[in-house]
Amino acid sequence: MDPSATLWWGVPALFVVIGLVELAKKVGFPAQYAMLLAVAIGIVGGILSTIFANSVLANATMGGVVIGLMASGLWSGVKNASENAPKT
């Protein structure tokens, strides 16, 4: 199976799983269990995407998750860059 072809409500599942696992680790989830968390998110997401394939609510929710993950990554990148910038 081609991982890039697996979509959850129009979003590549791989990116969603990576983003959610990274978010979980940032809030304190033990890194040694990240692989198990990724598998669990993949299983649950696959089941939910099958059950709610044409759901407008599920589509909107996934859009919100993606926007939130992107915004937190952007915020983190800007914050890290500004903290590491040379002081004048």
C-alpha atoms as a PDB file:
ATOM      1  CA  MET A   1       0.000   0.000   0.000  1.00  0.00           C
ATOM      2  CA  ASP A   2       1.254   3.459  -0.887  1.00  0.00           C
ATOM      3  CA  PRO A   3       1.183   5.541   2.367  1.00  0.00           C
ATOM      4  CA  SER A   4       0.779   8.788   0.441  1.00  0.00           C
ATOM      5  CA  ALA A   5      -2.473   7.487  -1.068  1.00  0.00           C
ATOM      6  CA  THR A   6      -4.186   6.966   2.303  1.00  0.00           C
ATOM      7  CA  LEU A   7      -6.371   9.979   2.964  1.00  0.00           C
ATOM      8  CA  TRP A   8      -8.548  10.776   5.949  1.00  0.00           C
ATOM      9  CA  TRP A   9     -11.174  13.264   4.810  1.00  0.00           C
ATOM     10  CA  GLY A  10      -8.844  14.629   2.147  1.00  0.00           C
ATOM     11  CA  VAL A  11      -5.759  14.841   4.382  1.00  0.00           C
ATOM     12  CA  PRO A  12      -2.805  12.427   4.091  1.00  0.00           C
ATOM     13  CA  ALA A  13      -3.118  10.193   7.151  1.00  0.00           C
ATOM     14  CA  LEU A  14       0.642   9.962   7.552  1.00  0.00           C
ATOM     15  CA  PHE A  15       0.922  13.685   8.304  1.00  0.00           C
ATOM     16  CA  VAL A  16      -1.943  13.583  10.783  1.00  0.00           C
ATOM     17  CA  VAL A  17      -0.452  10.649  12.695  1.00  0.00           C
ATOM     18  CA  ILE A  18       3.013  12.227  12.814  1.00  0.00           C
ATOM     19  CA  GLY A  19       1.564  15.541  13.974  1.00  0.00           C
ATOM     20  CA  LEU A  20      -0.588  13.991  16.695  1.00  0.00           C
ATOM     21  CA  VAL A  21       2.255  11.824  18.015  1.00  0.00           C
ATOM     22  CA  GLU A  22       4.619  14.812  18.131  1.00  0.00           C
ATOM     23  CA  LEU A  23       1.960  16.844  19.907  1.00  0.00           C
ATOM     24  CA  ALA A  24       1.453  14.052  22.443  1.00  0.00           C
ATOM     25  CA  LYS A  25       5.199  13.893  23.124  1.00  0.00           C
ATOM     26  CA  LYS A  26       5.340  17.664  23.645  1.00  0.00           C
ATOM     27  CA  VAL A  27       2.632  17.494  26.293  1.00  0.00           C
ATOM     28  CA  GLY A  28       4.369  14.698  28.182  1.00  0.00           C
ATOM     29  CA  PHE A  29       3.564  11.390  26.503  1.00  0.00           C
ATOM     30  CA  PRO A  30       6.545   9.033  27.038  1.00  0.00           C
ATOM     31  CA  ALA A  31       8.675   8.939  23.878  1.00  0.00           C
ATOM     32  CA  GLN A  32       9.373   5.222  24.250  1.00  0.00           C
ATOM     33  CA  TYR A  33       5.673   4.518  23.604  1.00  0.00           C
ATOM     34  CA  ALA A  34       5.370   6.842  20.591  1.00  0.00           C
ATOM     35  CA  MET A  35       5.397   3.929  18.143  1.00  0.00           C
ATOM     36  CA  LEU A  36       2.484   2.259  19.929  1.00  0.00           C
ATOM     37  CA  LEU A  37       0.604   5.546  19.981  1.00  0.00           C
ATOM     38  CA  ALA A  38       1.188   5.997  16.239  1.00  0.00           C
ATOM     39  CA  VAL A  39      -0.170   2.511  15.533  1.00  0.00           C
ATOM     40  CA  ALA A  40      -3.201   3.131  17.765  1.00  0.00           C
ATOM     41  CA  ILE A  41      -3.940   6.473  16.070  1.00  0.00           C
ATOM     42  CA  GLY A  42      -3.572   4.774  12.685  1.00  0.00           C
ATOM     43  CA  ILE A  43      -5.992   2.007  13.595  1.00  0.00           C
ATOM     44  CA  VAL A  44      -8.585   4.308  15.131  1.00  0.00           C
ATOM     45  CA  GLY A  45      -8.252   6.824  12.297  1.00  0.00           C
ATOM     46  CA  GLY A  46      -8.623   4.113   9.681  1.00  0.00           C
ATOM     47  CA  ILE A  47     -11.763   2.772  11.327  1.00  0.00           C
ATOM     48  CA  LEU A  48     -13.269   6.232  11.796  1.00  0.00           C
ATOM     49  CA  SER A  49     -12.467   7.275   8.235  1.00  0.00           C
ATOM     50  CA  THR A  50     -14.316   4.197   6.989  1.00  0.00           C
ATOM     51  CA  ILE A  51     -17.335   4.707   9.224  1.00  0.00           C
ATOM     52  CA  PHE A  52     -17.607   8.453   8.682  1.00  0.00           C
ATOM     53  CA  ALA A  53     -16.293   8.649   5.110  1.00  0.00           C
ATOM     54  CA  ASN A  54     -18.864  11.165   3.885  1.00  0.00           C
ATOM     55  CA  SER A  55     -19.470  13.055   7.117  1.00  0.00           C
ATOM     56  CA  VAL A  56     -19.403  16.841   6.873  1.00  0.00           C
ATOM     57  CA  LEU A  57     -18.688  17.072  10.615  1.00  0.00           C
ATOM     58  CA  ALA A  58     -15.747  14.652  10.380  1.00  0.00           C
ATOM     59  CA  ASN A  59     -14.386  16.575   7.394  1.00  0.00           C
ATOM     60  CA  ALA A  60     -14.610  19.872   9.285  1.00  0.00           C
ATOM     61  CA  THR A  61     -13.040  18.325  12.394  1.00  0.00           C
ATOM     62  CA  MET A  62     -10.106  16.959  10.420  1.00  0.00           C
ATOM     63  CA  GLY A  63      -9.639  20.359   8.813  1.00  0.00           C
ATOM     64  CA  GLY A  64      -9.510  21.905  12.279  1.00  0.00           C
ATOM     65  CA  VAL A  65      -6.981  19.339  13.491  1.00  0.00           C
ATOM     66  CA  VAL A  66      -4.733  20.029  10.509  1.00  0.00           C
ATOM     67  CA  ILE A  67      -4.986  23.799  10.949  1.00  0.00           C
ATOM     68  CA  GLY A  68      -4.213  23.465  14.650  1.00  0.00           C
ATOM     69  CA  LEU A  69      -1.201  21.224  14.040  1.00  0.00           C
ATOM     70  CA  MET A  70       0.121  23.540  11.347  1.00  0.00           C
ATOM     71  CA  ALA A  71      -0.375  26.618  13.517  1.00  0.00           C
ATOM     72  CA  SER A  72       1.366  25.043  16.505  1.00  0.00           C
ATOM     73  CA  GLY A  73       4.279  23.981  14.305  1.00  0.00           C
ATOM     74  CA  LEU A  74       4.513  27.447  12.806  1.00  0.00           C
ATOM     75  CA  TRP A  75       4.338  29.056  16.238  1.00  0.00           C
ATOM     76  CA  SER A  76       7.009  26.692  17.571  1.00  0.00           C
ATOM     77  CA  GLY A  77       9.304  27.429  14.627  1.00  0.00           C
ATOM     78  CA  VAL A  78       8.938  31.201  14.994  1.00  0.00           C
ATOM     79  CA  LYS A  79       9.417  30.991  18.753  1.00  0.00           C
ATOM     80  CA  ASN A  80      12.558  28.846  18.426  1.00  0.00           C
ATOM     81  CA  ALA A  81      14.001  31.109  15.742  1.00  0.00           C
ATOM     82  CA  SER A  82      13.414  34.238  17.814  1.00  0.00           C
ATOM     83  CA  GLU A  83      14.941  32.680  20.936  1.00  0.00           C
ATOM     84  CA  ASN A  84      18.042  31.620  19.006  1.00  0.00           C
ATOM     85  CA  ALA A  85      18.454  34.929  17.148  1.00  0.00           C
ATOM     86  CA  PRO A  86      21.584  36.883  18.020  1.00  0.00           C
ATOM     87  CA  LYS A  87      20.991  39.669  20.520  1.00  0.00           C
ATOM     88  CA  THR A  88      21.813  43.170  19.283  1.00  0.00           C
END
